[in-house]
N, C-alpha and C. Protein backbone atom coordinates (compact mmCIF):
# COMPACT_ATOMS: atom_id res chain seq x y z
N MET A 1 -54.18 36.18 5.17
CA MET A 1 -52.76 36.46 4.78
C MET A 1 -52.51 37.81 5.19
N LYS A 2 -51.14 38.17 5.59
CA LYS A 2 -50.91 39.34 5.55
C LYS A 2 -49.57 40.19 4.65
N VAL A 3 -49.68 41.05 4.25
CA VAL A 3 -48.83 41.16 3.26
C VAL A 3 -47.22 42.45 3.89
N TYR A 4 -46.02 41.93 4.03
CA TYR A 4 -44.86 42.27 4.43
C TYR A 4 -44.22 43.14 3.57
N LYS A 5 -43.38 44.20 3.74
CA LYS A 5 -42.05 44.55 3.02
C LYS A 5 -40.92 43.99 3.50
N VAL A 6 -40.11 43.47 2.67
CA VAL A 6 -38.83 42.80 3.37
C VAL A 6 -37.51 43.51 1.96
N LYS A 7 -36.29 43.94 3.02
CA LYS A 7 -35.25 44.31 2.29
C LYS A 7 -34.35 42.87 2.11
N VAL A 8 -34.22 42.80 0.72
CA VAL A 8 -32.70 42.39 0.54
C VAL A 8 -32.02 42.29 -0.57
N ASN A 9 -30.73 42.38 0.25
CA ASN A 9 -29.50 43.32 -0.64
C ASN A 9 -29.96 44.65 -0.79
N GLY A 10 -30.26 45.57 -0.46
CA GLY A 10 -30.65 46.38 -0.76
C GLY A 10 -32.58 46.59 -1.46
N LYS A 11 -32.87 45.67 -1.87
CA LYS A 11 -33.87 45.90 -2.80
C LYS A 11 -34.77 45.66 -2.10
N VAL A 12 -36.31 46.08 -2.08
CA VAL A 12 -37.39 45.70 -1.06
C VAL A 12 -38.60 45.40 -1.92
N TYR A 13 -38.74 43.88 -1.75
CA TYR A 13 -40.10 42.46 -1.73
C TYR A 13 -41.22 43.12 -0.93
N GLU A 14 -42.08 43.15 -1.89
CA GLU A 14 -43.43 43.06 -0.87
C GLU A 14 -43.88 40.92 -0.81
N VAL A 15 -44.24 40.65 0.36
CA VAL A 15 -44.33 39.47 0.32
C VAL A 15 -45.81 38.88 0.90
N GLU A 16 -46.45 38.12 0.72
CA GLU A 16 -47.64 38.00 1.55
C GLU A 16 -47.26 36.32 2.36
N VAL A 17 -47.82 36.43 3.63
CA VAL A 17 -47.59 35.36 4.46
C VAL A 17 -48.95 34.73 4.87
N GLU A 18 -48.97 33.49 5.08
CA GLU A 18 -50.64 33.35 5.41
C GLU A 18 -50.12 32.11 6.81
N ALA A 19 -50.68 32.48 7.67
CA ALA A 19 -50.71 31.96 9.12
C ALA A 19 -50.98 30.22 8.71
N VAL A 20 -50.44 29.42 9.05
CA VAL A 20 -50.41 28.00 9.25
C VAL A 20 -50.61 26.82 10.58
N ASP A 21 -51.93 26.59 10.26
CA ASP A 21 -52.47 25.90 11.20
C ASP A 21 -50.90 24.49 11.91
N GLU A 22 -50.76 24.44 12.90
CA GLU A 22 -49.87 23.20 13.22
C GLU A 22 -50.25 21.83 13.16
N VAL A 23 -51.60 21.90 12.88
CA VAL A 23 -51.93 20.54 12.70
C VAL A 23 -51.96 20.31 10.72
N LYS A 24 -51.85 21.31 10.14
CA LYS A 24 -52.05 20.97 8.89
C LYS A 24 -50.37 21.04 8.48
N GLY A 25 -49.67 22.14 9.23
CA GLY A 25 -48.20 21.77 8.87
C GLY A 25 -47.97 22.38 7.29
N GLY A 26 -49.00 23.06 6.44
CA GLY A 26 -48.20 23.10 5.23
C GLY A 26 -49.17 24.63 4.50
N ILE A 27 -48.61 25.12 3.47
CA ILE A 27 -49.46 25.82 2.52
C ILE A 27 -49.91 25.48 1.38
N GLU A 28 -51.30 25.77 0.72
CA GLU A 28 -51.14 25.62 -0.81
C GLU A 28 -51.19 26.42 -1.21
N ALA A 29 -50.19 26.01 -2.41
CA ALA A 29 -49.94 26.98 -3.40
C ALA A 29 -50.94 27.32 -3.92
N PRO A 30 -51.17 28.36 -4.73
CA PRO A 30 -51.76 28.74 -5.25
C PRO A 30 -52.18 28.04 -6.72
N ALA A 31 -53.42 28.07 -7.45
CA ALA A 31 -53.61 27.06 -8.49
C ALA A 31 -52.54 27.59 -9.46
N GLN A 32 -52.61 28.39 -9.99
CA GLN A 32 -51.66 29.35 -11.46
C GLN A 32 -50.85 30.18 -10.57
N VAL A 33 -49.79 30.26 -10.96
CA VAL A 33 -48.81 31.29 -10.65
C VAL A 33 -48.38 32.12 -11.79
N LYS A 34 -48.38 33.37 -11.65
CA LYS A 34 -48.35 33.79 -13.15
C LYS A 34 -46.30 34.85 -12.73
N LYS A 35 -45.43 34.06 -13.99
CA LYS A 35 -44.33 34.75 -13.63
C LYS A 35 -44.07 35.82 -15.10
N GLU A 36 -43.87 36.93 -14.01
CA GLU A 36 -43.78 37.87 -15.72
C GLU A 36 -42.03 37.70 -16.28
N GLU A 37 -41.73 37.71 -17.49
CA GLU A 37 -40.64 37.46 -18.35
C GLU A 37 -40.32 38.40 -19.04
N VAL A 38 -39.26 38.82 -18.87
CA VAL A 38 -38.21 40.09 -19.12
C VAL A 38 -37.81 40.18 -20.53
N VAL A 39 -37.95 39.01 -21.09
CA VAL A 39 -37.16 38.76 -22.12
C VAL A 39 -38.02 39.14 -23.04
N VAL A 40 -37.43 40.25 -23.94
CA VAL A 40 -37.98 40.83 -25.49
C VAL A 40 -37.56 40.50 -26.57
N SER A 41 -38.02 40.46 -27.43
CA SER A 41 -37.59 40.20 -28.81
C SER A 41 -38.96 40.78 -29.80
N GLN A 42 -38.47 40.87 -31.08
CA GLN A 42 -39.50 41.32 -32.25
C GLN A 42 -39.31 40.27 -33.43
N GLY A 43 -38.92 39.39 -33.33
CA GLY A 43 -38.10 38.41 -34.23
C GLY A 43 -37.25 38.66 -34.67
N SER A 44 -36.23 39.97 -34.39
CA SER A 44 -35.58 40.13 -35.41
C SER A 44 -33.98 39.90 -34.08
N ASN A 45 -32.72 40.37 -34.62
CA ASN A 45 -32.01 40.24 -33.06
C ASN A 45 -31.79 41.31 -32.77
N ASP A 46 -32.88 42.47 -32.34
CA ASP A 46 -32.67 43.44 -31.27
C ASP A 46 -33.49 42.83 -29.93
N ILE A 47 -32.30 42.92 -29.35
CA ILE A 47 -33.18 43.20 -27.66
C ILE A 47 -33.46 44.32 -27.80
N LEU A 48 -34.94 44.18 -26.99
CA LEU A 48 -35.16 45.58 -26.68
C LEU A 48 -36.05 46.19 -25.44
N ALA A 49 -36.11 47.20 -24.97
CA ALA A 49 -36.34 47.41 -23.52
C ALA A 49 -37.90 46.99 -23.35
N PRO A 50 -38.01 46.62 -22.29
CA PRO A 50 -39.29 46.21 -22.36
C PRO A 50 -40.29 47.17 -21.30
N ILE A 51 -39.64 48.12 -21.06
CA ILE A 51 -40.00 49.30 -19.93
C ILE A 51 -39.11 50.46 -20.15
N ALA A 52 -39.83 51.73 -20.17
CA ALA A 52 -39.11 52.72 -19.76
C ALA A 52 -38.33 52.89 -18.84
N GLY A 53 -37.10 53.58 -18.69
CA GLY A 53 -36.42 54.00 -17.36
C GLY A 53 -34.46 54.47 -18.12
N LYS A 54 -33.98 53.75 -16.89
CA LYS A 54 -32.64 54.17 -17.20
C LYS A 54 -31.62 53.38 -17.02
N VAL A 55 -30.57 53.25 -17.83
CA VAL A 55 -29.63 52.24 -17.92
C VAL A 55 -29.08 52.40 -16.89
N LEU A 56 -28.69 51.48 -15.82
CA LEU A 56 -28.25 51.08 -14.88
C LEU A 56 -27.14 50.36 -15.62
N SER A 57 -26.88 49.58 -15.84
CA SER A 57 -25.44 48.56 -16.10
C SER A 57 -25.94 47.83 -18.04
N VAL A 58 -24.88 47.70 -18.75
CA VAL A 58 -24.68 46.60 -19.63
C VAL A 58 -23.74 45.74 -19.32
N LYS A 59 -24.51 44.51 -19.35
CA LYS A 59 -23.65 43.23 -18.76
C LYS A 59 -22.80 42.40 -19.90
N VAL A 60 -22.61 42.96 -21.30
CA VAL A 60 -22.03 42.41 -22.30
C VAL A 60 -21.35 43.67 -23.01
N ASN A 61 -20.20 43.11 -24.47
CA ASN A 61 -19.14 44.08 -24.78
C ASN A 61 -19.61 43.58 -26.61
N VAL A 62 -19.37 44.12 -27.06
CA VAL A 62 -19.39 43.43 -28.58
C VAL A 62 -18.34 43.17 -28.76
N GLY A 63 -19.06 41.88 -29.55
CA GLY A 63 -18.23 40.77 -29.83
C GLY A 63 -18.53 39.26 -29.12
N ASP A 64 -18.86 39.43 -27.61
CA ASP A 64 -19.46 38.30 -26.89
C ASP A 64 -20.63 37.55 -27.20
N THR A 65 -20.53 36.35 -26.81
CA THR A 65 -21.53 35.45 -27.24
C THR A 65 -22.41 35.23 -26.22
N VAL A 66 -24.14 35.57 -26.55
CA VAL A 66 -24.76 35.65 -25.63
C VAL A 66 -25.90 34.74 -25.70
N LYS A 67 -26.68 33.90 -24.45
CA LYS A 67 -26.95 32.78 -24.88
C LYS A 67 -28.22 32.92 -24.29
N LYS A 68 -29.66 32.39 -24.72
CA LYS A 68 -30.93 32.94 -24.73
C LYS A 68 -31.13 32.78 -23.50
N GLY A 69 -31.99 34.08 -22.47
CA GLY A 69 -32.10 33.78 -21.37
C GLY A 69 -31.13 34.47 -20.16
N GLN A 70 -30.10 34.98 -21.11
CA GLN A 70 -28.96 35.69 -20.40
C GLN A 70 -28.71 37.12 -20.52
N THR A 71 -28.95 37.71 -18.71
CA THR A 71 -28.65 39.18 -18.88
C THR A 71 -27.84 39.65 -19.39
N VAL A 72 -28.34 40.84 -19.96
CA VAL A 72 -27.63 41.87 -21.22
C VAL A 72 -27.22 43.40 -20.29
N ALA A 73 -28.37 43.51 -19.78
CA ALA A 73 -28.56 44.52 -19.01
C ALA A 73 -29.63 45.00 -17.83
N ILE A 74 -29.57 46.15 -17.30
CA ILE A 74 -30.07 46.34 -15.94
C ILE A 74 -30.75 47.46 -16.37
N ILE A 75 -31.99 47.77 -16.18
CA ILE A 75 -32.67 49.14 -16.36
C ILE A 75 -33.54 49.20 -15.13
N GLU A 76 -33.50 50.29 -14.74
CA GLU A 76 -34.32 50.74 -13.12
C GLU A 76 -35.44 51.70 -13.63
N ALA A 77 -36.56 50.98 -13.22
CA ALA A 77 -37.57 51.78 -14.02
C ALA A 77 -39.02 51.48 -12.17
N MET A 78 -39.00 52.93 -12.09
CA MET A 78 -39.97 53.12 -10.53
C MET A 78 -39.29 52.84 -9.53
N LYS A 79 -38.00 53.26 -9.27
CA LYS A 79 -36.98 52.18 -8.35
C LYS A 79 -36.43 51.21 -8.16
N LEU A 80 -36.88 49.70 -9.20
CA LEU A 80 -36.51 48.42 -9.33
C LEU A 80 -35.88 48.22 -10.18
N GLU A 81 -34.59 47.61 -10.52
CA GLU A 81 -34.11 46.83 -10.92
C GLU A 81 -34.59 45.86 -11.89
N ASN A 82 -34.53 45.89 -13.63
CA ASN A 82 -35.26 45.01 -14.65
C ASN A 82 -34.09 44.31 -14.92
N GLU A 83 -33.80 43.01 -15.05
CA GLU A 83 -32.90 42.23 -15.91
C GLU A 83 -33.08 42.39 -17.14
N ILE A 84 -32.48 42.66 -18.05
CA ILE A 84 -32.52 42.51 -19.58
C ILE A 84 -32.34 41.23 -19.93
N GLN A 85 -32.91 40.28 -20.65
CA GLN A 85 -32.20 39.14 -21.13
C GLN A 85 -32.76 38.67 -22.36
N SER A 86 -31.65 38.20 -22.62
CA SER A 86 -31.96 38.10 -24.64
C SER A 86 -32.76 36.61 -24.77
N ALA A 87 -34.04 37.38 -25.79
CA ALA A 87 -34.40 35.85 -26.37
C ALA A 87 -33.91 34.73 -27.45
N PHE A 88 -32.46 35.03 -27.28
CA PHE A 88 -32.29 34.01 -28.27
C PHE A 88 -30.31 34.07 -28.37
N ASP A 89 -30.03 33.19 -28.98
CA ASP A 89 -28.46 33.12 -29.21
C ASP A 89 -27.96 34.05 -29.90
N GLY A 90 -26.89 34.33 -29.84
CA GLY A 90 -25.85 35.56 -30.60
C GLY A 90 -24.57 35.75 -30.08
N LYS A 91 -24.36 36.64 -31.18
CA LYS A 91 -22.83 37.70 -30.82
C LYS A 91 -23.55 38.83 -31.31
N VAL A 92 -23.10 39.88 -29.74
CA VAL A 92 -22.83 40.53 -29.65
C VAL A 92 -22.42 41.64 -30.93
N LYS A 93 -23.56 42.49 -31.47
CA LYS A 93 -23.07 42.74 -33.22
C LYS A 93 -22.59 44.50 -32.70
N GLN A 94 -23.68 45.15 -31.95
CA GLN A 94 -23.56 46.40 -31.72
C GLN A 94 -24.56 47.03 -30.25
N ILE A 95 -24.18 47.40 -29.26
CA ILE A 95 -24.61 48.25 -28.33
C ILE A 95 -25.20 49.80 -28.41
N VAL A 96 -26.42 49.57 -28.59
CA VAL A 96 -27.50 51.00 -28.79
C VAL A 96 -26.82 52.37 -27.47
N VAL A 97 -27.09 51.75 -26.28
CA VAL A 97 -27.21 52.20 -25.36
C VAL A 97 -26.10 52.71 -24.33
N SER A 98 -25.88 53.29 -23.52
CA SER A 98 -24.78 53.74 -22.94
C SER A 98 -25.26 53.77 -21.37
N VAL A 99 -24.75 53.37 -20.34
CA VAL A 99 -24.79 53.83 -19.06
C VAL A 99 -25.66 55.26 -18.58
N GLY A 100 -26.45 54.99 -18.10
CA GLY A 100 -26.94 56.55 -17.67
C GLY A 100 -28.52 56.92 -19.10
N ASP A 101 -28.16 56.45 -19.72
CA ASP A 101 -29.41 56.76 -20.81
C ASP A 101 -30.47 56.47 -20.30
N ASP A 102 -31.28 57.06 -20.73
CA ASP A 102 -33.02 57.08 -20.61
C ASP A 102 -33.59 56.38 -21.77
N VAL A 103 -34.02 55.03 -21.25
CA VAL A 103 -34.68 54.49 -22.49
C VAL A 103 -36.31 54.40 -22.42
N ARG A 104 -36.75 54.37 -24.02
CA ARG A 104 -38.26 54.18 -23.74
C ARG A 104 -38.37 53.15 -24.11
N ASN A 105 -40.16 52.26 -23.89
CA ASN A 105 -40.42 50.91 -24.18
C ASN A 105 -40.12 50.34 -25.34
N LYS A 106 -40.20 49.76 -25.77
CA LYS A 106 -39.74 49.28 -27.22
C LYS A 106 -38.07 49.46 -27.51
N ASP A 107 -37.58 50.73 -27.16
CA ASP A 107 -36.24 51.01 -27.88
C ASP A 107 -35.01 49.73 -28.31
N VAL A 108 -34.43 50.25 -29.27
CA VAL A 108 -33.52 48.42 -29.17
C VAL A 108 -32.06 49.07 -28.31
N LEU A 109 -32.01 48.45 -27.21
CA LEU A 109 -30.38 48.15 -26.16
C LEU A 109 -29.52 47.67 -27.04
N ILE A 110 -29.63 46.51 -27.43
CA ILE A 110 -28.34 45.77 -27.94
C ILE A 110 -29.04 44.98 -29.63
N VAL A 111 -28.17 44.77 -30.20
CA VAL A 111 -28.12 44.25 -31.73
C VAL A 111 -27.44 42.90 -31.67
N LEU A 112 -27.79 41.74 -31.91
CA LEU A 112 -27.01 40.29 -32.32
C LEU A 112 -27.10 40.32 -33.22
N GLU A 113 -26.18 39.18 -33.79
CA GLU A 113 -25.73 38.89 -34.85
C GLU A 113 -26.13 37.05 -35.19
């Protein structure tokens, strides 16, 4: 396995590449792939910051209808852009943060009704 850094649309990703036997012709997938989810909720109608960082953009407005899994904001942390998704359906009641705000882990970003 070799590790390479790949730049796509200005974002840098680290990828592992395995050499493939010509006879074999494929790569075996790992038994279990862990996917990190950025959806955050504490059982209320608040969408919380999953990490500390700076708010780069807010993708919704007050009064918008939001679907579960929809990206509602983007937070930059450690030079990576993290899409923050809603954990549930609802209507945007209040936007607590603004572009450029620094947020801490578990800070309320958006309130849904």
